[in-house]
Amino acid sequence: MPLFSVILPAHNAEKTLAATLVSLARQTCDDWEAIVLDDGSTDRTGRIATAFARVETRVRVVRLSGLGPSRARNLGAAEACGQFLAFLDGDDLWVPEKLAVSAATLRASPGVDGVFGRVAFFDGDPAHARTESRVRPGRLALRDLIGENPVCTMSNLVVRASSFRAVGGFDETLRHSEDLECLIRLVASGAFVTGLDRRLVHYRTSPFGLSADLSAMHAGWRRAVETAMKADADLRAREVRAAEAAHLRYLARRALRVNTPAGTALRLSMRGLAASPAAFFAPLDRGVPTLAAALLEPLMPTALRRRLARL
């Protein structure tokens, strides 16, 4: 039985999948299997995955018919044989030590159910990250998740297979924030998830795809927060409003970076300010540039607008 099962859903990822698979093959820990789920791709995704699997026998390819990321990941987890599940999206990259560092923590601490690290966000070249997430020590709490979720992406999470299965996997009715909603149920179940203060993942940003659909992202976030409120009756309305302000600020910053209609960033910023001005401006080095860029968006060149959104 392998130590890790890597679950890798991919849909029309021909431009990025090869690099993702290479980052997997370069892992310093070699005790893994990988399940690539080609979810109804109409490009060369399936051929790239199949060619890689011919060379790397630890990889197997499963073809699906466009079931969506939640269903694809659940099917991959059902096929998995490993003690730990490591999720990897078809456009993200792992640092070579990702699995080794995760294994060291999980083996040394049997009471830890899941781990994640820092995420570097990049556009074209992963060597030139534009920003990086932060990880604070200690146990991940529901309040952390509904705020600026420090896990950021499923490509960052390694979890014990038994813990993942105990909460029923991903909600297959969700196409956005399904990762956050699953994490909320995992933490609410009592699972101990903790951050490692080192860069483990490179996250590729894109103006296209699921992560560019801002209204759907917000609706998915609301569903995830509803799950959190049901799980923790102590979550106060003020905390939820503050979390929503931070989330709307994040969406406004994303609107400035991707191809959205003029005024989208300002509308999102205004909604965030209405939810909680204090939370929208905390910290100031994010809130102020976001609002300034949203207000000045019609007058600014695209490059400057995106640069402000990255501050």
Foldseek 3Di string as FASTA:
>chain_A
DFQEEEQEEEAQLVPAQVQAVVLVVLAPDPRYAYEYEHAQHPDCVVVSQVVVCVVVVSYDYHYHRNLADQVSRVVSLVVDDHQKYAYDYRRKHWHNHQVVVFCVVCVVDVQAFKEFEKEFEDADDLVDGLDIAFFDWDFDDLLCLLAVNRRNDSNGMMGGSVLCVVLPGFDSVANACSVSLSVLSSVLVVHTYHYDYDYTMYHHDDLDDDVVPLVSNLVSSVVSVVSNCVSDVPDDLLSNLLRQLNVLLLSLLSPLQHDDDQLSSQVSNVSSCVSPVVSLCVPVLSNVLSNVLNVCVVVDDSVVSNSSSSD
